[in-house]
Amino acid sequence: KYTDEQLDELNKQLSTIDDDLFSEQTKATIQQQLNKFNIYFSNVSYDLYGERYAVKFDEHEYKGKRIYKFSAFNTNFSSGKKQGEISCFDLAYTVFADNENIPCLHFLLNDKKELMHGNQLIKIGEYANAHDIQFVASILQDKLPPDLQKDEYIIAQLSQNDKLFRIENHEDLQGVT
């Protein structure tokens, strides 16, 4: 158990850490890195959508704690365009991280991409291939553009009769722990 004295010391240490995290120097460093990232984000979004997206950050208070809140300048998107913005962000971050020597995966796993227009899916595929990024998306076959319905792009196809892990019903799970 902690004594009141130990708790006071821990709270002082946390306060010192918070002061450093929210110092003008830290904010300037975050803004500098964000400016670099936004160049990539803007270029990727322009390539895919003809629009330049960017991220900003602000300091907020949440439940009595200071936090940084990151948000996009563009906030009124349809569902499909929001999915496109997320993909642009992921692709841009991967290229940014490579150029900044930040370790990152070149594997992006996505959902709800069927909400996007087929042309954007094709452009994402081209961009990912050009930058050695594996872009994995679960999409219904009838929502997949014909240009992407090639065996070389399809790793796994699932259906009502061919399910993941070949588990067809609960009886198949008997004795499995």
Protein backbone atom coordinates (compact mmCIF):
# COMPACT_ATOMS: atom_id res chain seq x y z
CA LYS A 1 0.00 0.00 0.00
CA TYR A 2 1.09 3.52 -0.67
CA THR A 3 1.27 6.11 2.05
CA ASP A 4 -0.03 9.62 1.57
CA GLU A 5 3.55 10.80 1.29
CA GLN A 6 4.31 8.32 -1.51
CA LEU A 7 1.09 9.29 -3.33
CA ASP A 8 2.04 12.98 -3.09
CA GLU A 9 5.46 12.20 -4.57
CA LEU A 10 3.92 10.18 -7.42
CA ASN A 11 1.44 12.98 -8.15
CA LYS A 12 4.31 15.50 -8.29
CA GLN A 13 6.16 13.25 -10.74
CA LEU A 14 3.04 12.95 -12.90
CA SER A 15 2.59 16.71 -12.84
CA THR A 16 6.20 17.18 -13.99
CA ILE A 17 5.65 14.72 -16.84
CA ASP A 18 2.42 16.51 -17.84
CA ASP A 19 4.17 19.88 -17.78
CA ASP A 20 6.83 18.52 -20.12
CA LEU A 21 4.28 16.84 -22.43
CA PHE A 22 2.34 20.07 -22.80
CA SER A 23 5.29 22.48 -22.91
CA GLU A 24 5.70 24.92 -25.78
CA GLN A 25 8.77 22.97 -26.91
CA THR A 26 6.82 19.69 -27.12
CA LYS A 27 3.96 21.41 -28.95
CA ALA A 28 6.46 22.86 -31.45
CA THR A 29 8.01 19.42 -32.00
CA ILE A 30 4.58 17.85 -32.56
CA GLN A 31 3.66 20.63 -35.00
CA GLN A 32 6.95 20.20 -36.87
CA GLN A 33 6.38 16.45 -37.32
CA LEU A 34 2.72 17.00 -38.19
CA ASN A 35 3.74 19.52 -40.85
CA LYS A 36 6.03 16.90 -42.40
CA PHE A 37 3.32 14.24 -42.21
CA ASN A 38 0.73 16.58 -43.75
CA ILE A 39 2.86 16.88 -46.88
CA TYR A 40 2.50 13.13 -47.40
CA PHE A 41 -1.18 13.09 -46.39
CA SER A 42 -1.96 15.99 -48.71
CA ASN A 43 -0.16 14.37 -51.64
CA VAL A 44 -1.78 10.95 -51.17
CA SER A 45 -5.26 12.45 -50.82
CA TYR A 46 -4.70 14.60 -53.89
CA ASP A 47 -3.58 11.56 -55.88
CA LEU A 48 -6.64 9.55 -54.79
CA TYR A 49 -9.36 12.22 -54.47
CA GLY A 50 -8.09 15.40 -56.06
CA GLU A 51 -8.35 17.06 -52.64
CA ARG A 52 -5.68 17.91 -50.10
CA TYR A 53 -6.35 16.54 -46.61
CA ALA A 54 -4.47 17.57 -43.50
CA VAL A 55 -4.43 16.84 -39.76
CA LYS A 56 -4.30 19.40 -36.97
CA PHE A 57 -4.01 19.11 -33.20
CA ASP A 58 -5.32 21.06 -30.25
CA GLU A 59 -4.91 20.79 -26.51
CA HIS A 60 -8.11 19.89 -24.66
CA GLU A 61 -9.20 18.87 -21.23
CA TYR A 62 -10.90 15.50 -20.85
CA LYS A 63 -12.07 14.21 -17.48
CA GLY A 64 -9.79 16.66 -15.71
CA LYS A 65 -6.70 15.67 -17.72
CA ARG A 66 -4.93 17.54 -20.49
CA ILE A 67 -4.88 15.71 -23.81
CA TYR A 68 -3.93 16.37 -27.41
CA LYS A 69 -6.77 15.90 -29.84
CA PHE A 70 -5.85 15.22 -33.46
CA SER A 71 -8.46 15.78 -36.15
CA ALA A 72 -8.77 16.29 -39.88
CA PHE A 73 -9.52 19.70 -41.28
CA ASN A 74 -12.15 18.07 -43.51
CA THR A 75 -14.93 16.73 -41.31
CA ASN A 76 -18.13 16.59 -43.38
CA PHE A 77 -17.60 13.44 -45.41
CA SER A 78 -19.93 10.76 -46.63
CA SER A 79 -19.25 7.26 -45.31
CA GLY A 80 -17.35 6.26 -48.46
CA LYS A 81 -15.24 9.39 -48.47
CA LYS A 82 -14.46 8.94 -44.78
CA GLN A 83 -13.19 5.44 -45.58
CA GLY A 84 -11.06 6.98 -48.32
CA GLU A 85 -9.65 9.54 -45.90
CA ILE A 86 -8.70 6.74 -43.50
CA SER A 87 -6.94 4.87 -46.30
CA CYS A 88 -5.10 8.04 -47.38
CA PHE A 89 -3.98 8.56 -43.78
CA ASP A 90 -2.73 4.97 -43.42
CA LEU A 91 -0.86 5.03 -46.72
CA ALA A 92 0.62 8.46 -46.01
CA TYR A 93 1.75 7.42 -42.54
CA THR A 94 3.51 4.33 -43.87
CA VAL A 95 5.51 6.36 -46.41
CA PHE A 96 6.15 9.13 -43.83
CA ALA A 97 7.38 6.60 -41.28
CA ASP A 98 9.73 5.04 -43.83
CA ASN A 99 11.21 8.43 -44.66
CA GLU A 100 11.58 9.30 -40.95
CA ASN A 101 13.11 5.90 -40.14
CA ILE A 102 10.19 5.07 -37.85
CA PRO A 103 9.55 1.31 -37.74
CA CYS A 104 6.10 0.47 -39.09
CA LEU A 105 4.24 -2.37 -40.71
CA HIS A 106 3.67 -2.36 -44.44
CA PHE A 107 0.44 -4.22 -43.85
CA LEU A 108 -2.85 -2.31 -43.72
CA LEU A 109 -6.01 -4.19 -42.76
CA ASN A 110 -9.25 -2.45 -43.70
CA ASP A 111 -12.98 -2.89 -43.48
CA LYS A 112 -15.97 -1.09 -45.01
CA LYS A 113 -14.06 -0.28 -48.19
CA GLU A 114 -17.07 -1.35 -50.25
CA LEU A 115 -18.43 2.11 -49.36
CA MET A 116 -15.73 3.65 -51.53
CA HIS A 117 -15.99 4.24 -55.26
CA GLY A 118 -14.28 1.63 -57.41
CA ASN A 119 -11.92 4.21 -58.96
CA GLN A 120 -10.52 5.06 -55.52
CA LEU A 121 -10.02 1.38 -54.70
CA ILE A 122 -8.03 0.97 -57.91
CA LYS A 123 -5.93 4.05 -57.11
CA ILE A 124 -5.30 2.77 -53.57
CA GLY A 125 -4.15 -0.55 -55.01
CA GLU A 126 -1.78 1.20 -57.41
CA TYR A 127 -0.39 3.46 -54.68
CA ALA A 128 0.07 0.56 -52.26
CA ASN A 129 1.87 -1.50 -54.92
CA ALA A 130 4.13 1.41 -55.84
CA HIS A 131 5.17 1.81 -52.18
CA ASP A 132 5.47 -1.88 -51.25
CA ILE A 133 2.46 -1.73 -48.93
CA GLN A 134 0.15 -4.71 -48.51
CA PHE A 135 -3.40 -3.34 -48.47
CA VAL A 136 -5.90 -5.92 -47.24
CA ALA A 137 -9.61 -5.17 -47.46
CA SER A 138 -12.64 -7.36 -46.98
CA ILE A 139 -15.04 -6.45 -49.77
CA LEU A 140 -18.12 -8.16 -51.14
CA GLN A 141 -17.35 -9.51 -54.60
CA ASP A 142 -20.15 -7.56 -56.27
CA LYS A 143 -18.69 -4.31 -54.84
CA LEU A 144 -15.18 -5.01 -56.14
CA PRO A 145 -14.30 -3.14 -59.36
CA PRO A 146 -13.63 -5.47 -62.34
CA ASP A 147 -10.02 -4.21 -62.58
CA LEU A 148 -9.38 -5.66 -59.12
CA GLN A 149 -11.11 -8.99 -59.70
CA LYS A 150 -7.88 -10.70 -60.71
CA ASP A 151 -6.57 -13.88 -59.11
CA GLU A 152 -3.25 -12.15 -58.34
CA TYR A 153 -5.05 -9.69 -56.04
CA ILE A 154 -7.28 -12.19 -54.24
CA ILE A 155 -5.64 -14.06 -51.39
CA ALA A 156 -8.72 -15.64 -49.80
CA GLN A 157 -12.32 -15.91 -50.92
CA LEU A 158 -14.93 -16.79 -48.36
CA SER A 159 -18.60 -17.60 -48.80
CA GLN A 160 -21.53 -19.07 -46.93
CA ASN A 161 -20.23 -22.52 -47.92
CA ASP A 162 -16.51 -21.81 -47.45
CA LYS A 163 -15.93 -20.04 -44.13
CA LEU A 164 -12.78 -18.86 -42.41
CA PHE A 165 -10.96 -21.73 -40.63
CA ARG A 166 -13.45 -24.09 -42.27
CA ILE A 167 -15.75 -23.94 -39.26
CA GLU A 168 -19.24 -24.56 -40.54
CA ASN A 169 -21.24 -25.03 -37.36
CA HIS A 170 -20.91 -25.30 -33.59
CA GLU A 171 -20.62 -29.11 -33.75
CA ASP A 172 -17.21 -28.62 -35.41
CA LEU A 173 -16.03 -26.93 -32.22
CA GLN A 174 -16.67 -29.88 -29.89
CA GLY A 175 -13.51 -30.84 -28.04
CA VAL A 176 -11.70 -27.63 -29.11
CA THR A 177 -10.27 -25.56 -26.26
